[in-house]
Amino acid sequence: MKVYINVGIDKRVNAFGSTRGSASDVEITVEDNHEFLRNPFIYKLISGNLVKDTGYQQEQIELKNKMENKPTEIQILQEENTDLKLALAEMAEKMEIEKINMMLAVAELAENLKGGV
């Protein structure tokens, strides 16, 4: 199958088609079941031959996985909301403890003023 490709300065395929798109396109022939037809952008044209750049392919796979596993804005907001709820609960608990301690101190002071122990 004839394919026309365009390569960048780094010799990586950046465009391809079944017809020539520009004067700089290079005509190549690939088998009908060649991986290039499924994933052309992991190939470079070196000395007139298509060469698979497996390192670049792995980088792209990792980038895709990272993007797919990245939390959504809603997930981030939900996590922040949970963190804020926990922080508020901790503050409320500390305030309640301080309130109880204050009440105990007032009761002790009142008892001392009455002439207690």
Protein backbone atom coordinates (compact mmCIF):
# COMPACT_ATOMS: atom_id res chain seq x y z
CA MET A 1 0.00 0.00 0.00
CA LYS A 2 1.36 3.42 -0.95
CA VAL A 3 1.34 6.04 1.80
CA TYR A 4 2.56 9.61 1.76
CA ILE A 5 4.19 10.83 4.93
CA ASN A 6 5.48 14.11 6.19
CA VAL A 7 8.30 14.14 8.72
CA GLY A 8 9.52 16.83 11.08
CA ILE A 9 13.07 17.96 11.77
CA ASP A 10 13.46 15.05 14.19
CA LYS A 11 12.51 12.71 11.30
CA ARG A 12 9.37 11.63 13.20
CA VAL A 13 6.21 11.08 11.15
CA ASN A 14 3.88 13.98 11.85
CA ALA A 15 1.36 13.48 9.03
CA PHE A 16 0.36 10.78 6.59
CA GLY A 17 -2.28 10.04 4.01
CA SER A 18 -3.17 8.10 0.93
CA THR A 19 -2.56 11.14 -1.27
CA ARG A 20 0.27 13.64 -1.37
CA GLY A 21 -0.59 16.60 0.86
CA SER A 22 2.46 18.73 0.15
CA ALA A 23 5.54 18.76 -2.01
CA SER A 24 7.67 17.65 0.94
CA ASP A 25 5.67 14.44 1.46
CA VAL A 26 7.59 11.21 0.99
CA GLU A 27 6.03 8.23 -0.74
CA ILE A 28 6.54 4.90 1.00
CA THR A 29 5.06 1.45 0.59
CA VAL A 30 3.85 -0.55 3.60
CA GLU A 31 2.06 -3.86 3.97
CA ASP A 32 -1.71 -3.62 4.48
CA ASN A 33 -1.36 -5.00 8.01
CA HIS A 34 1.72 -2.96 9.02
CA GLU A 35 1.56 -1.42 12.50
CA PHE A 36 2.39 1.95 10.95
CA LEU A 37 -1.20 2.16 9.69
CA ARG A 38 -2.54 1.81 13.26
CA ASN A 39 0.00 4.03 14.99
CA PRO A 40 2.05 6.08 12.51
CA PHE A 41 3.34 8.70 14.92
CA ILE A 42 5.71 6.35 16.75
CA TYR A 43 7.75 5.93 13.57
CA LYS A 44 10.68 7.86 12.18
CA LEU A 45 11.87 7.89 8.59
CA ILE A 46 15.58 7.09 8.68
CA SER A 47 17.49 6.52 5.44
CA GLY A 48 14.21 5.96 3.60
CA ASN A 49 13.02 3.28 6.05
CA LEU A 50 10.33 3.43 8.70
CA VAL A 51 11.87 2.78 12.10
CA LYS A 52 9.68 2.23 15.15
CA ASP A 53 10.72 4.45 18.08
CA THR A 54 9.83 2.15 20.98
CA GLY A 55 11.19 4.60 23.57
CA TYR A 56 8.87 7.32 22.29
CA GLN A 57 6.00 4.84 22.13
CA GLN A 58 6.55 3.92 25.80
CA GLU A 59 6.64 7.62 26.76
CA GLN A 60 3.30 8.13 25.00
CA ILE A 61 1.75 5.12 26.74
CA GLU A 62 2.93 6.39 30.14
CA LEU A 63 1.62 9.88 29.39
CA LYS A 64 -1.75 8.46 28.35
CA ASN A 65 -1.94 6.32 31.50
CA LYS A 66 -1.01 9.30 33.66
CA MET A 67 -3.74 11.40 32.07
CA GLU A 68 -6.33 8.62 32.44
CA ASN A 69 -5.43 8.11 36.12
CA LYS A 70 -5.36 11.81 36.90
CA PRO A 71 -8.18 12.72 39.31
CA THR A 72 -10.96 14.83 37.86
CA GLU A 73 -11.73 18.30 39.21
CA ILE A 74 -14.79 16.86 40.95
CA GLN A 75 -12.68 14.18 42.64
CA ILE A 76 -10.17 16.81 43.78
CA LEU A 77 -12.98 19.01 45.15
CA GLN A 78 -14.56 16.03 46.93
CA GLU A 79 -11.23 15.20 48.57
CA GLU A 80 -10.72 18.83 49.61
CA ASN A 81 -14.28 18.91 50.96
CA THR A 82 -13.62 15.80 53.05
CA ASP A 83 -10.39 17.33 54.37
CA LEU A 84 -12.24 20.51 55.34
CA LYS A 85 -14.97 18.52 57.11
CA LEU A 86 -12.32 16.66 59.11
CA ALA A 87 -10.56 19.91 60.01
CA LEU A 88 -13.86 21.47 61.15
CA ALA A 89 -14.70 18.40 63.22
CA GLU A 90 -11.29 18.57 64.91
CA MET A 91 -11.76 22.28 65.64
CA ALA A 92 -15.23 21.65 67.06
CA GLU A 93 -13.88 18.87 69.27
CA LYS A 94 -11.08 21.12 70.58
CA MET A 95 -13.56 23.92 71.28
CA GLU A 96 -15.82 21.50 73.16
CA ILE A 97 -12.87 20.34 75.28
CA GLU A 98 -11.92 23.97 75.96
CA LYS A 99 -15.53 24.74 76.92
CA ILE A 100 -15.62 21.82 79.36
CA ASN A 101 -12.27 22.84 80.85
CA MET A 102 -13.51 26.42 81.22
CA MET A 103 -16.70 25.24 82.93
CA LEU A 104 -14.65 23.09 85.30
CA ALA A 105 -12.37 26.04 86.07
CA VAL A 106 -15.36 28.32 86.76
CA ALA A 107 -16.91 25.66 89.01
CA GLU A 108 -13.64 25.26 90.90
CA LEU A 109 -13.29 29.03 91.24
CA ALA A 110 -16.87 29.32 92.52
CA GLU A 111 -16.24 26.56 95.02
CA ASN A 112 -13.05 28.28 96.21
CA LEU A 113 -14.91 31.59 96.58
CA LYS A 114 -17.58 29.89 98.73
CA GLY A 115 -14.85 28.72 101.04
CA GLY A 116 -14.58 25.19 99.80
CA VAL A 117 -11.48 23.15 99.59
